[in-house]
Amino acid sequence: LDGVGNPHNLGAILRSAANFGAAVL
C-alpha cells in the first residue's frame, strides 16, 4: 500500500485480502 490512506478503503482492502488470503505490506 503505497500511500493508501482512507480508512474505508483500508477496511475494504482488508476484507478482500482476508477472502483471498493476501497479506498487506
PDBML (XML) file of the C-alpha atoms, coordinates in Angstrom:
<?xml version="1.0" encoding="UTF-8" ?>
<PDBx:datablock datablockName="MODEL"
   xmlns:PDBx="http://pdbml.pdb.org/schema/pdbx-v50.xsd"
   xmlns:xsi="http://www.w3.org/2001/XMLSchema-instance"
   xsi:schemaLocation="http://pdbml.pdb.org/schema/pdbx-v50.xsd pdbx-v50.xsd">
   <PDBx:atom_siteCategory>
      <PDBx:atom_site id="1">
         <PDBx:B_iso_or_equiv>0.00</PDBx:B_iso_or_equiv>
         <PDBx:Cartn_x>0.000</PDBx:Cartn_x>
         <PDBx:Cartn_y>0.000</PDBx:Cartn_y>
         <PDBx:Cartn_z>0.000</PDBx:Cartn_z>
         <PDBx:auth_asym_id>A</PDBx:auth_asym_id>
         <PDBx:auth_atom_id>CA</PDBx:auth_atom_id>
         <PDBx:auth_comp_id>LEU</PDBx:auth_comp_id>
         <PDBx:auth_seq_id>1</PDBx:auth_seq_id>
         <PDBx:group_PDB>ATOM</PDBx:group_PDB>
         <PDBx:label_alt_id xsi:nil="true" />
         <PDBx:label_asym_id>A</PDBx:label_asym_id>
         <PDBx:label_atom_id>CA</PDBx:label_atom_id>
         <PDBx:label_comp_id>LEU</PDBx:label_comp_id>
         <PDBx:label_entity_id>1</PDBx:label_entity_id>
         <PDBx:label_seq_id>1</PDBx:label_seq_id>
         <PDBx:occupancy>1.00</PDBx:occupancy>
         <PDBx:pdbx_PDB_model_num>1</PDBx:pdbx_PDB_model_num>
         <PDBx:type_symbol>C</PDBx:type_symbol>
      </PDBx:atom_site>
      <PDBx:atom_site id="2">
         <PDBx:B_iso_or_equiv>0.00</PDBx:B_iso_or_equiv>
         <PDBx:Cartn_x>1.950</PDBx:Cartn_x>
         <PDBx:Cartn_y>2.961</PDBx:Cartn_y>
         <PDBx:Cartn_z>-1.361</PDBx:Cartn_z>
         <PDBx:auth_asym_id>A</PDBx:auth_asym_id>
         <PDBx:auth_atom_id>CA</PDBx:auth_atom_id>
         <PDBx:auth_comp_id>ASP</PDBx:auth_comp_id>
         <PDBx:auth_seq_id>2</PDBx:auth_seq_id>
         <PDBx:group_PDB>ATOM</PDBx:group_PDB>
         <PDBx:label_alt_id xsi:nil="true" />
         <PDBx:label_asym_id>A</PDBx:label_asym_id>
         <PDBx:label_atom_id>CA</PDBx:label_atom_id>
         <PDBx:label_comp_id>ASP</PDBx:label_comp_id>
         <PDBx:label_entity_id>1</PDBx:label_entity_id>
         <PDBx:label_seq_id>2</PDBx:label_seq_id>
         <PDBx:occupancy>1.00</PDBx:occupancy>
         <PDBx:pdbx_PDB_model_num>1</PDBx:pdbx_PDB_model_num>
         <PDBx:type_symbol>C</PDBx:type_symbol>
      </PDBx:atom_site>
      <PDBx:atom_site id="3">
         <PDBx:B_iso_or_equiv>0.00</PDBx:B_iso_or_equiv>
         <PDBx:Cartn_x>0.083</PDBx:Cartn_x>
         <PDBx:Cartn_y>5.917</PDBx:Cartn_y>
         <PDBx:Cartn_z>0.138</PDBx:Cartn_z>
         <PDBx:auth_asym_id>A</PDBx:auth_asym_id>
         <PDBx:auth_atom_id>CA</PDBx:auth_atom_id>
         <PDBx:auth_comp_id>GLY</PDBx:auth_comp_id>
         <PDBx:auth_seq_id>3</PDBx:auth_seq_id>
         <PDBx:group_PDB>ATOM</PDBx:group_PDB>
         <PDBx:label_alt_id xsi:nil="true" />
         <PDBx:label_asym_id>A</PDBx:label_asym_id>
         <PDBx:label_atom_id>CA</PDBx:label_atom_id>
         <PDBx:label_comp_id>GLY</PDBx:label_comp_id>
         <PDBx:label_entity_id>1</PDBx:label_entity_id>
         <PDBx:label_seq_id>3</PDBx:label_seq_id>
         <PDBx:occupancy>1.00</PDBx:occupancy>
         <PDBx:pdbx_PDB_model_num>1</PDBx:pdbx_PDB_model_num>
         <PDBx:type_symbol>C</PDBx:type_symbol>
      </PDBx:atom_site>
      <PDBx:atom_site id="4">
         <PDBx:B_iso_or_equiv>0.00</PDBx:B_iso_or_equiv>
         <PDBx:Cartn_x>-3.406</PDBx:Cartn_x>
         <PDBx:Cartn_y>4.458</PDBx:Cartn_y>
         <PDBx:Cartn_z>0.645</PDBx:Cartn_z>
         <PDBx:auth_asym_id>A</PDBx:auth_asym_id>
         <PDBx:auth_atom_id>CA</PDBx:auth_atom_id>
         <PDBx:auth_comp_id>VAL</PDBx:auth_comp_id>
         <PDBx:auth_seq_id>4</PDBx:auth_seq_id>
         <PDBx:group_PDB>ATOM</PDBx:group_PDB>
         <PDBx:label_alt_id xsi:nil="true" />
         <PDBx:label_asym_id>A</PDBx:label_asym_id>
         <PDBx:label_atom_id>CA</PDBx:label_atom_id>
         <PDBx:label_comp_id>VAL</PDBx:label_comp_id>
         <PDBx:label_entity_id>1</PDBx:label_entity_id>
         <PDBx:label_seq_id>4</PDBx:label_seq_id>
         <PDBx:occupancy>1.00</PDBx:occupancy>
         <PDBx:pdbx_PDB_model_num>1</PDBx:pdbx_PDB_model_num>
         <PDBx:type_symbol>C</PDBx:type_symbol>
      </PDBx:atom_site>
      <PDBx:atom_site id="5">
         <PDBx:B_iso_or_equiv>0.00</PDBx:B_iso_or_equiv>
         <PDBx:Cartn_x>-4.892</PDBx:Cartn_x>
         <PDBx:Cartn_y>6.492</PDBx:Cartn_y>
         <PDBx:Cartn_z>3.486</PDBx:Cartn_z>
         <PDBx:auth_asym_id>A</PDBx:auth_asym_id>
         <PDBx:auth_atom_id>CA</PDBx:auth_atom_id>
         <PDBx:auth_comp_id>GLY</PDBx:auth_comp_id>
         <PDBx:auth_seq_id>5</PDBx:auth_seq_id>
         <PDBx:group_PDB>ATOM</PDBx:group_PDB>
         <PDBx:label_alt_id xsi:nil="true" />
         <PDBx:label_asym_id>A</PDBx:label_asym_id>
         <PDBx:label_atom_id>CA</PDBx:label_atom_id>
         <PDBx:label_comp_id>GLY</PDBx:label_comp_id>
         <PDBx:label_entity_id>1</PDBx:label_entity_id>
         <PDBx:label_seq_id>5</PDBx:label_seq_id>
         <PDBx:occupancy>1.00</PDBx:occupancy>
         <PDBx:pdbx_PDB_model_num>1</PDBx:pdbx_PDB_model_num>
         <PDBx:type_symbol>C</PDBx:type_symbol>
      </PDBx:atom_site>
      <PDBx:atom_site id="6">
         <PDBx:B_iso_or_equiv>0.00</PDBx:B_iso_or_equiv>
         <PDBx:Cartn_x>-8.689</PDBx:Cartn_x>
         <PDBx:Cartn_y>6.385</PDBx:Cartn_y>
         <PDBx:Cartn_z>3.522</PDBx:Cartn_z>
         <PDBx:auth_asym_id>A</PDBx:auth_asym_id>
         <PDBx:auth_atom_id>CA</PDBx:auth_atom_id>
         <PDBx:auth_comp_id>ASN</PDBx:auth_comp_id>
         <PDBx:auth_seq_id>6</PDBx:auth_seq_id>
         <PDBx:group_PDB>ATOM</PDBx:group_PDB>
         <PDBx:label_alt_id xsi:nil="true" />
         <PDBx:label_asym_id>A</PDBx:label_asym_id>
         <PDBx:label_atom_id>CA</PDBx:label_atom_id>
         <PDBx:label_comp_id>ASN</PDBx:label_comp_id>
         <PDBx:label_entity_id>1</PDBx:label_entity_id>
         <PDBx:label_seq_id>6</PDBx:label_seq_id>
         <PDBx:occupancy>1.00</PDBx:occupancy>
         <PDBx:pdbx_PDB_model_num>1</PDBx:pdbx_PDB_model_num>
         <PDBx:type_symbol>C</PDBx:type_symbol>
      </PDBx:atom_site>
      <PDBx:atom_site id="7">
         <PDBx:B_iso_or_equiv>0.00</PDBx:B_iso_or_equiv>
         <PDBx:Cartn_x>-9.843</PDBx:Cartn_x>
         <PDBx:Cartn_y>4.137</PDBx:Cartn_y>
         <PDBx:Cartn_z>6.423</PDBx:Cartn_z>
         <PDBx:auth_asym_id>A</PDBx:auth_asym_id>
         <PDBx:auth_atom_id>CA</PDBx:auth_atom_id>
         <PDBx:auth_comp_id>PRO</PDBx:auth_comp_id>
         <PDBx:auth_seq_id>7</PDBx:auth_seq_id>
         <PDBx:group_PDB>ATOM</PDBx:group_PDB>
         <PDBx:label_alt_id xsi:nil="true" />
         <PDBx:label_asym_id>A</PDBx:label_asym_id>
         <PDBx:label_atom_id>CA</PDBx:label_atom_id>
         <PDBx:label_comp_id>PRO</PDBx:label_comp_id>
         <PDBx:label_entity_id>1</PDBx:label_entity_id>
         <PDBx:label_seq_id>7</PDBx:label_seq_id>
         <PDBx:occupancy>1.00</PDBx:occupancy>
         <PDBx:pdbx_PDB_model_num>1</PDBx:pdbx_PDB_model_num>
         <PDBx:type_symbol>C</PDBx:type_symbol>
      </PDBx:atom_site>
      <PDBx:atom_site id="8">
         <PDBx:B_iso_or_equiv>0.00</PDBx:B_iso_or_equiv>
         <PDBx:Cartn_x>-12.876</PDBx:Cartn_x>
         <PDBx:Cartn_y>2.874</PDBx:Cartn_y>
         <PDBx:Cartn_z>4.496</PDBx:Cartn_z>
         <PDBx:auth_asym_id>A</PDBx:auth_asym_id>
         <PDBx:auth_atom_id>CA</PDBx:auth_atom_id>
         <PDBx:auth_comp_id>HIS</PDBx:auth_comp_id>
         <PDBx:auth_seq_id>8</PDBx:auth_seq_id>
         <PDBx:group_PDB>ATOM</PDBx:group_PDB>
         <PDBx:label_alt_id xsi:nil="true" />
         <PDBx:label_asym_id>A</PDBx:label_asym_id>
         <PDBx:label_atom_id>CA</PDBx:label_atom_id>
         <PDBx:label_comp_id>HIS</PDBx:label_comp_id>
         <PDBx:label_entity_id>1</PDBx:label_entity_id>
         <PDBx:label_seq_id>8</PDBx:label_seq_id>
         <PDBx:occupancy>1.00</PDBx:occupancy>
         <PDBx:pdbx_PDB_model_num>1</PDBx:pdbx_PDB_model_num>
         <PDBx:type_symbol>C</PDBx:type_symbol>
      </PDBx:atom_site>
      <PDBx:atom_site id="9">
         <PDBx:B_iso_or_equiv>0.00</PDBx:B_iso_or_equiv>
         <PDBx:Cartn_x>-10.645</PDBx:Cartn_x>
         <PDBx:Cartn_y>1.894</PDBx:Cartn_y>
         <PDBx:Cartn_z>1.586</PDBx:Cartn_z>
         <PDBx:auth_asym_id>A</PDBx:auth_asym_id>
         <PDBx:auth_atom_id>CA</PDBx:auth_atom_id>
         <PDBx:auth_comp_id>ASN</PDBx:auth_comp_id>
         <PDBx:auth_seq_id>9</PDBx:auth_seq_id>
         <PDBx:group_PDB>ATOM</PDBx:group_PDB>
         <PDBx:label_alt_id xsi:nil="true" />
         <PDBx:label_asym_id>A</PDBx:label_asym_id>
         <PDBx:label_atom_id>CA</PDBx:label_atom_id>
         <PDBx:label_comp_id>ASN</PDBx:label_comp_id>
         <PDBx:label_entity_id>1</PDBx:label_entity_id>
         <PDBx:label_seq_id>9</PDBx:label_seq_id>
         <PDBx:occupancy>1.00</PDBx:occupancy>
         <PDBx:pdbx_PDB_model_num>1</PDBx:pdbx_PDB_model_num>
         <PDBx:type_symbol>C</PDBx:type_symbol>
      </PDBx:atom_site>
      <PDBx:atom_site id="10">
         <PDBx:B_iso_or_equiv>0.00</PDBx:B_iso_or_equiv>
         <PDBx:Cartn_x>-8.267</PDBx:Cartn_x>
         <PDBx:Cartn_y>0.184</PDBx:Cartn_y>
         <PDBx:Cartn_z>4.008</PDBx:Cartn_z>
         <PDBx:auth_asym_id>A</PDBx:auth_asym_id>
         <PDBx:auth_atom_id>CA</PDBx:auth_atom_id>
         <PDBx:auth_comp_id>LEU</PDBx:auth_comp_id>
         <PDBx:auth_seq_id>10</PDBx:auth_seq_id>
         <PDBx:group_PDB>ATOM</PDBx:group_PDB>
         <PDBx:label_alt_id xsi:nil="true" />
         <PDBx:label_asym_id>A</PDBx:label_asym_id>
         <PDBx:label_atom_id>CA</PDBx:label_atom_id>
         <PDBx:label_comp_id>LEU</PDBx:label_comp_id>
         <PDBx:label_entity_id>1</PDBx:label_entity_id>
         <PDBx:label_seq_id>10</PDBx:label_seq_id>
         <PDBx:occupancy>1.00</PDBx:occupancy>
         <PDBx:pdbx_PDB_model_num>1</PDBx:pdbx_PDB_model_num>
         <PDBx:type_symbol>C</PDBx:type_symbol>
      </PDBx:atom_site>
      <PDBx:atom_site id="11">
         <PDBx:B_iso_or_equiv>0.00</PDBx:B_iso_or_equiv>
         <PDBx:Cartn_x>-11.164</PDBx:Cartn_x>
         <PDBx:Cartn_y>-1.726</PDBx:Cartn_y>
         <PDBx:Cartn_z>5.558</PDBx:Cartn_z>
         <PDBx:auth_asym_id>A</PDBx:auth_asym_id>
         <PDBx:auth_atom_id>CA</PDBx:auth_atom_id>
         <PDBx:auth_comp_id>GLY</PDBx:auth_comp_id>
         <PDBx:auth_seq_id>11</PDBx:auth_seq_id>
         <PDBx:group_PDB>ATOM</PDBx:group_PDB>
         <PDBx:label_alt_id xsi:nil="true" />
         <PDBx:label_asym_id>A</PDBx:label_asym_id>
         <PDBx:label_atom_id>CA</PDBx:label_atom_id>
         <PDBx:label_comp_id>GLY</PDBx:label_comp_id>
         <PDBx:label_entity_id>1</PDBx:label_entity_id>
         <PDBx:label_seq_id>11</PDBx:label_seq_id>
         <PDBx:occupancy>1.00</PDBx:occupancy>
         <PDBx:pdbx_PDB_model_num>1</PDBx:pdbx_PDB_model_num>
         <PDBx:type_symbol>C</PDBx:type_symbol>
      </PDBx:atom_site>
      <PDBx:atom_site id="12">
         <PDBx:B_iso_or_equiv>0.00</PDBx:B_iso_or_equiv>
         <PDBx:Cartn_x>-12.437</PDBx:Cartn_x>
         <PDBx:Cartn_y>-2.877</PDBx:Cartn_y>
         <PDBx:Cartn_z>2.172</PDBx:Cartn_z>
         <PDBx:auth_asym_id>A</PDBx:auth_asym_id>
         <PDBx:auth_atom_id>CA</PDBx:auth_atom_id>
         <PDBx:auth_comp_id>ALA</PDBx:auth_comp_id>
         <PDBx:auth_seq_id>12</PDBx:auth_seq_id>
         <PDBx:group_PDB>ATOM</PDBx:group_PDB>
         <PDBx:label_alt_id xsi:nil="true" />
         <PDBx:label_asym_id>A</PDBx:label_asym_id>
         <PDBx:label_atom_id>CA</PDBx:label_atom_id>
         <PDBx:label_comp_id>ALA</PDBx:label_comp_id>
         <PDBx:label_entity_id>1</PDBx:label_entity_id>
         <PDBx:label_seq_id>12</PDBx:label_seq_id>
         <PDBx:occupancy>1.00</PDBx:occupancy>
         <PDBx:pdbx_PDB_model_num>1</PDBx:pdbx_PDB_model_num>
         <PDBx:type_symbol>C</PDBx:type_symbol>
      </PDBx:atom_site>
      <PDBx:atom_site id="13">
         <PDBx:B_iso_or_equiv>0.00</PDBx:B_iso_or_equiv>
         <PDBx:Cartn_x>-8.902</PDBx:Cartn_x>
         <PDBx:Cartn_y>-3.875</PDBx:Cartn_y>
         <PDBx:Cartn_z>1.150</PDBx:Cartn_z>
         <PDBx:auth_asym_id>A</PDBx:auth_asym_id>
         <PDBx:auth_atom_id>CA</PDBx:auth_atom_id>
         <PDBx:auth_comp_id>ILE</PDBx:auth_comp_id>
         <PDBx:auth_seq_id>13</PDBx:auth_seq_id>
         <PDBx:group_PDB>ATOM</PDBx:group_PDB>
         <PDBx:label_alt_id xsi:nil="true" />
         <PDBx:label_asym_id>A</PDBx:label_asym_id>
         <PDBx:label_atom_id>CA</PDBx:label_atom_id>
         <PDBx:label_comp_id>ILE</PDBx:label_comp_id>
         <PDBx:label_entity_id>1</PDBx:label_entity_id>
         <PDBx:label_seq_id>13</PDBx:label_seq_id>
         <PDBx:occupancy>1.00</PDBx:occupancy>
         <PDBx:pdbx_PDB_model_num>1</PDBx:pdbx_PDB_model_num>
         <PDBx:type_symbol>C</PDBx:type_symbol>
      </PDBx:atom_site>
      <PDBx:atom_site id="14">
         <PDBx:B_iso_or_equiv>0.00</PDBx:B_iso_or_equiv>
         <PDBx:Cartn_x>-8.504</PDBx:Cartn_x>
         <PDBx:Cartn_y>-5.908</PDBx:Cartn_y>
         <PDBx:Cartn_z>4.361</PDBx:Cartn_z>
         <PDBx:auth_asym_id>A</PDBx:auth_asym_id>
         <PDBx:auth_atom_id>CA</PDBx:auth_atom_id>
         <PDBx:auth_comp_id>LEU</PDBx:auth_comp_id>
         <PDBx:auth_seq_id>14</PDBx:auth_seq_id>
         <PDBx:group_PDB>ATOM</PDBx:group_PDB>
         <PDBx:label_alt_id xsi:nil="true" />
         <PDBx:label_asym_id>A</PDBx:label_asym_id>
         <PDBx:label_atom_id>CA</PDBx:label_atom_id>
         <PDBx:label_comp_id>LEU</PDBx:label_comp_id>
         <PDBx:label_entity_id>1</PDBx:label_entity_id>
         <PDBx:label_seq_id>14</PDBx:label_seq_id>
         <PDBx:occupancy>1.00</PDBx:occupancy>
         <PDBx:pdbx_PDB_model_num>1</PDBx:pdbx_PDB_model_num>
         <PDBx:type_symbol>C</PDBx:type_symbol>
      </PDBx:atom_site>
      <PDBx:atom_site id="15">
         <PDBx:B_iso_or_equiv>0.00</PDBx:B_iso_or_equiv>
         <PDBx:Cartn_x>-11.821</PDBx:Cartn_x>
         <PDBx:Cartn_y>-7.654</PDBx:Cartn_y>
         <PDBx:Cartn_z>3.724</PDBx:Cartn_z>
         <PDBx:auth_asym_id>A</PDBx:auth_asym_id>
         <PDBx:auth_atom_id>CA</PDBx:auth_atom_id>
         <PDBx:auth_comp_id>ARG</PDBx:auth_comp_id>
         <PDBx:auth_seq_id>15</PDBx:auth_seq_id>
         <PDBx:group_PDB>ATOM</PDBx:group_PDB>
         <PDBx:label_alt_id xsi:nil="true" />
         <PDBx:label_asym_id>A</PDBx:label_asym_id>
         <PDBx:label_atom_id>CA</PDBx:label_atom_id>
         <PDBx:label_comp_id>ARG</PDBx:label_comp_id>
         <PDBx:label_entity_id>1</PDBx:label_entity_id>
         <PDBx:label_seq_id>15</PDBx:label_seq_id>
         <PDBx:occupancy>1.00</PDBx:occupancy>
         <PDBx:pdbx_PDB_model_num>1</PDBx:pdbx_PDB_model_num>
         <PDBx:type_symbol>C</PDBx:type_symbol>
      </PDBx:atom_site>
      <PDBx:atom_site id="16">
         <PDBx:B_iso_or_equiv>0.00</PDBx:B_iso_or_equiv>
         <PDBx:Cartn_x>-10.743</PDBx:Cartn_x>
         <PDBx:Cartn_y>-8.634</PDBx:Cartn_y>
         <PDBx:Cartn_z>0.202</PDBx:Cartn_z>
         <PDBx:auth_asym_id>A</PDBx:auth_asym_id>
         <PDBx:auth_atom_id>CA</PDBx:auth_atom_id>
         <PDBx:auth_comp_id>SER</PDBx:auth_comp_id>
         <PDBx:auth_seq_id>16</PDBx:auth_seq_id>
         <PDBx:group_PDB>ATOM</PDBx:group_PDB>
         <PDBx:label_alt_id xsi:nil="true" />
         <PDBx:label_asym_id>A</PDBx:label_asym_id>
         <PDBx:label_atom_id>CA</PDBx:label_atom_id>
         <PDBx:label_comp_id>SER</PDBx:label_comp_id>
         <PDBx:label_entity_id>1</PDBx:label_entity_id>
         <PDBx:label_seq_id>16</PDBx:label_seq_id>
         <PDBx:occupancy>1.00</PDBx:occupancy>
         <PDBx:pdbx_PDB_model_num>1</PDBx:pdbx_PDB_model_num>
         <PDBx:type_symbol>C</PDBx:type_symbol>
      </PDBx:atom_site>
      <PDBx:atom_site id="17">
         <PDBx:B_iso_or_equiv>0.00</PDBx:B_iso_or_equiv>
         <PDBx:Cartn_x>-7.288</PDBx:Cartn_x>
         <PDBx:Cartn_y>-9.651</PDBx:Cartn_y>
         <PDBx:Cartn_z>1.429</PDBx:Cartn_z>
         <PDBx:auth_asym_id>A</PDBx:auth_asym_id>
         <PDBx:auth_atom_id>CA</PDBx:auth_atom_id>
         <PDBx:auth_comp_id>ALA</PDBx:auth_comp_id>
         <PDBx:auth_seq_id>17</PDBx:auth_seq_id>
         <PDBx:group_PDB>ATOM</PDBx:group_PDB>
         <PDBx:label_alt_id xsi:nil="true" />
         <PDBx:label_asym_id>A</PDBx:label_asym_id>
         <PDBx:label_atom_id>CA</PDBx:label_atom_id>
         <PDBx:label_comp_id>ALA</PDBx:label_comp_id>
         <PDBx:label_entity_id>1</PDBx:label_entity_id>
         <PDBx:label_seq_id>17</PDBx:label_seq_id>
         <PDBx:occupancy>1.00</PDBx:occupancy>
         <PDBx:pdbx_PDB_model_num>1</PDBx:pdbx_PDB_model_num>
         <PDBx:type_symbol>C</PDBx:type_symbol>
      </PDBx:atom_site>
      <PDBx:atom_site id="18">
         <PDBx:B_iso_or_equiv>0.00</PDBx:B_iso_or_equiv>
         <PDBx:Cartn_x>-8.853</PDBx:Cartn_x>
         <PDBx:Cartn_y>-11.912</PDBx:Cartn_y>
         <PDBx:Cartn_z>4.058</PDBx:Cartn_z>
         <PDBx:auth_asym_id>A</PDBx:auth_asym_id>
         <PDBx:auth_atom_id>CA</PDBx:auth_atom_id>
         <PDBx:auth_comp_id>ALA</PDBx:auth_comp_id>
         <PDBx:auth_seq_id>18</PDBx:auth_seq_id>
         <PDBx:group_PDB>ATOM</PDBx:group_PDB>
         <PDBx:label_alt_id xsi:nil="true" />
         <PDBx:label_asym_id>A</PDBx:label_asym_id>
         <PDBx:label_atom_id>CA</PDBx:label_atom_id>
         <PDBx:label_comp_id>ALA</PDBx:label_comp_id>
         <PDBx:label_entity_id>1</PDBx:label_entity_id>
         <PDBx:label_seq_id>18</PDBx:label_seq_id>
         <PDBx:occupancy>1.00</PDBx:occupancy>
         <PDBx:pdbx_PDB_model_num>1</PDBx:pdbx_PDB_model_num>
         <PDBx:type_symbol>C</PDBx:type_symbol>
      </PDBx:atom_site>
      <PDBx:atom_site id="19">
         <PDBx:B_iso_or_equiv>0.00</PDBx:B_iso_or_equiv>
         <PDBx:Cartn_x>-11.137</PDBx:Cartn_x>
         <PDBx:Cartn_y>-13.505</PDBx:Cartn_y>
         <PDBx:Cartn_z>1.471</PDBx:Cartn_z>
         <PDBx:auth_asym_id>A</PDBx:auth_asym_id>
         <PDBx:auth_atom_id>CA</PDBx:auth_atom_id>
         <PDBx:auth_comp_id>ASN</PDBx:auth_comp_id>
         <PDBx:auth_seq_id>19</PDBx:auth_seq_id>
         <PDBx:group_PDB>ATOM</PDBx:group_PDB>
         <PDBx:label_alt_id xsi:nil="true" />
         <PDBx:label_asym_id>A</PDBx:label_asym_id>
         <PDBx:label_atom_id>CA</PDBx:label_atom_id>
         <PDBx:label_comp_id>ASN</PDBx:label_comp_id>
         <PDBx:label_entity_id>1</PDBx:label_entity_id>
         <PDBx:label_seq_id>19</PDBx:label_seq_id>
         <PDBx:occupancy>1.00</PDBx:occupancy>
         <PDBx:pdbx_PDB_model_num>1</PDBx:pdbx_PDB_model_num>
         <PDBx:type_symbol>C</PDBx:type_symbol>
      </PDBx:atom_site>
      <PDBx:atom_site id="20">
         <PDBx:B_iso_or_equiv>0.00</PDBx:B_iso_or_equiv>
         <PDBx:Cartn_x>-8.310</PDBx:Cartn_x>
         <PDBx:Cartn_y>-14.275</PDBx:Cartn_y>
         <PDBx:Cartn_z>-0.964</PDBx:Cartn_z>
         <PDBx:auth_asym_id>A</PDBx:auth_asym_id>
         <PDBx:auth_atom_id>CA</PDBx:auth_atom_id>
         <PDBx:auth_comp_id>PHE</PDBx:auth_comp_id>
         <PDBx:auth_seq_id>20</PDBx:auth_seq_id>
         <PDBx:group_PDB>ATOM</PDBx:group_PDB>
         <PDBx:label_alt_id xsi:nil="true" />
         <PDBx:label_asym_id>A</PDBx:label_asym_id>
         <PDBx:label_atom_id>CA</PDBx:label_atom_id>
         <PDBx:label_comp_id>PHE</PDBx:label_comp_id>
         <PDBx:label_entity_id>1</PDBx:label_entity_id>
         <PDBx:label_seq_id>20</PDBx:label_seq_id>
         <PDBx:occupancy>1.00</PDBx:occupancy>
         <PDBx:pdbx_PDB_model_num>1</PDBx:pdbx_PDB_model_num>
         <PDBx:type_symbol>C</PDBx:type_symbol>
      </PDBx:atom_site>
      <PDBx:atom_site id="21">
         <PDBx:B_iso_or_equiv>0.00</PDBx:B_iso_or_equiv>
         <PDBx:Cartn_x>-5.534</PDBx:Cartn_x>
         <PDBx:Cartn_y>-14.973</PDBx:Cartn_y>
         <PDBx:Cartn_z>1.563</PDBx:Cartn_z>
         <PDBx:auth_asym_id>A</PDBx:auth_asym_id>
         <PDBx:auth_atom_id>CA</PDBx:auth_atom_id>
         <PDBx:auth_comp_id>GLY</PDBx:auth_comp_id>
         <PDBx:auth_seq_id>21</PDBx:auth_seq_id>
         <PDBx:group_PDB>ATOM</PDBx:group_PDB>
         <PDBx:label_alt_id xsi:nil="true" />
         <PDBx:label_asym_id>A</PDBx:label_asym_id>
         <PDBx:label_atom_id>CA</PDBx:label_atom_id>
         <PDBx:label_comp_id>GLY</PDBx:label_comp_id>
         <PDBx:label_entity_id>1</PDBx:label_entity_id>
         <PDBx:label_seq_id>21</PDBx:label_seq_id>
         <PDBx:occupancy>1.00</PDBx:occupancy>
         <PDBx:pdbx_PDB_model_num>1</PDBx:pdbx_PDB_model_num>
         <PDBx:type_symbol>C</PDBx:type_symbol>
      </PDBx:atom_site>
      <PDBx:atom_site id="22">
         <PDBx:B_iso_or_equiv>0.00</PDBx:B_iso_or_equiv>
         <PDBx:Cartn_x>-3.255</PDBx:Cartn_x>
         <PDBx:Cartn_y>-11.993</PDBx:Cartn_y>
         <PDBx:Cartn_z>0.944</PDBx:Cartn_z>
         <PDBx:auth_asym_id>A</PDBx:auth_asym_id>
         <PDBx:auth_atom_id>CA</PDBx:auth_atom_id>
         <PDBx:auth_comp_id>ALA</PDBx:auth_comp_id>
         <PDBx:auth_seq_id>22</PDBx:auth_seq_id>
         <PDBx:group_PDB>ATOM</PDBx:group_PDB>
         <PDBx:label_alt_id xsi:nil="true" />
         <PDBx:label_asym_id>A</PDBx:label_asym_id>
         <PDBx:label_atom_id>CA</PDBx:label_atom_id>
         <PDBx:label_comp_id>ALA</PDBx:label_comp_id>
         <PDBx:label_entity_id>1</PDBx:label_entity_id>
         <PDBx:label_seq_id>22</PDBx:label_seq_id>
         <PDBx:occupancy>1.00</PDBx:occupancy>
         <PDBx:pdbx_PDB_model_num>1</PDBx:pdbx_PDB_model_num>
         <PDBx:type_symbol>C</PDBx:type_symbol>
      </PDBx:atom_site>
      <PDBx:atom_site id="23">
         <PDBx:B_iso_or_equiv>0.00</PDBx:B_iso_or_equiv>
         <PDBx:Cartn_x>-1.015</PDBx:Cartn_x>
         <PDBx:Cartn_y>-10.041</PDBx:Cartn_y>
         <PDBx:Cartn_z>3.310</PDBx:Cartn_z>
         <PDBx:auth_asym_id>A</PDBx:auth_asym_id>
         <PDBx:auth_atom_id>CA</PDBx:auth_atom_id>
         <PDBx:auth_comp_id>ALA</PDBx:auth_comp_id>
         <PDBx:auth_seq_id>23</PDBx:auth_seq_id>
         <PDBx:group_PDB>ATOM</PDBx:group_PDB>
         <PDBx:label_alt_id xsi:nil="true" />
         <PDBx:label_asym_id>A</PDBx:label_asym_id>
         <PDBx:label_atom_id>CA</PDBx:label_atom_id>
         <PDBx:label_comp_id>ALA</PDBx:label_comp_id>
         <PDBx:label_entity_id>1</PDBx:label_entity_id>
         <PDBx:label_seq_id>23</PDBx:label_seq_id>
         <PDBx:occupancy>1.00</PDBx:occupancy>
         <PDBx:pdbx_PDB_model_num>1</PDBx:pdbx_PDB_model_num>
         <PDBx:type_symbol>C</PDBx:type_symbol>
      </PDBx:atom_site>
      <PDBx:atom_site id="24">
         <PDBx:B_iso_or_equiv>0.00</PDBx:B_iso_or_equiv>
         <PDBx:Cartn_x>-0.780</PDBx:Cartn_x>
         <PDBx:Cartn_y>-6.241</PDBx:Cartn_y>
         <PDBx:Cartn_z>3.499</PDBx:Cartn_z>
         <PDBx:auth_asym_id>A</PDBx:auth_asym_id>
         <PDBx:auth_atom_id>CA</PDBx:auth_atom_id>
         <PDBx:auth_comp_id>VAL</PDBx:auth_comp_id>
         <PDBx:auth_seq_id>24</PDBx:auth_seq_id>
         <PDBx:group_PDB>ATOM</PDBx:group_PDB>
         <PDBx:label_alt_id xsi:nil="true" />
         <PDBx:label_asym_id>A</PDBx:label_asym_id>
         <PDBx:label_atom_id>CA</PDBx:label_atom_id>
         <PDBx:label_comp_id>VAL</PDBx:label_comp_id>
         <PDBx:label_entity_id>1</PDBx:label_entity_id>
         <PDBx:label_seq_id>24</PDBx:label_seq_id>
         <PDBx:occupancy>1.00</PDBx:occupancy>
         <PDBx:pdbx_PDB_model_num>1</PDBx:pdbx_PDB_model_num>
         <PDBx:type_symbol>C</PDBx:type_symbol>
      </PDBx:atom_site>
      <PDBx:atom_site id="25">
         <PDBx:B_iso_or_equiv>0.00</PDBx:B_iso_or_equiv>
         <PDBx:Cartn_x>2.654</PDBx:Cartn_x>
         <PDBx:Cartn_y>-4.600</PDBx:Cartn_y>
         <PDBx:Cartn_z>3.292</PDBx:Cartn_z>
         <PDBx:auth_asym_id>A</PDBx:auth_asym_id>
         <PDBx:auth_atom_id>CA</PDBx:auth_atom_id>
         <PDBx:auth_comp_id>LEU</PDBx:auth_comp_id>
         <PDBx:auth_seq_id>25</PDBx:auth_seq_id>
         <PDBx:group_PDB>ATOM</PDBx:group_PDB>
         <PDBx:label_alt_id xsi:nil="true" />
         <PDBx:label_asym_id>A</PDBx:label_asym_id>
         <PDBx:label_atom_id>CA</PDBx:label_atom_id>
         <PDBx:label_comp_id>LEU</PDBx:label_comp_id>
         <PDBx:label_entity_id>1</PDBx:label_entity_id>
         <PDBx:label_seq_id>25</PDBx:label_seq_id>
         <PDBx:occupancy>1.00</PDBx:occupancy>
         <PDBx:pdbx_PDB_model_num>1</PDBx:pdbx_PDB_model_num>
         <PDBx:type_symbol>C</PDBx:type_symbol>
      </PDBx:atom_site>
   </PDBx:atom_siteCategory>
</PDBx:datablock>
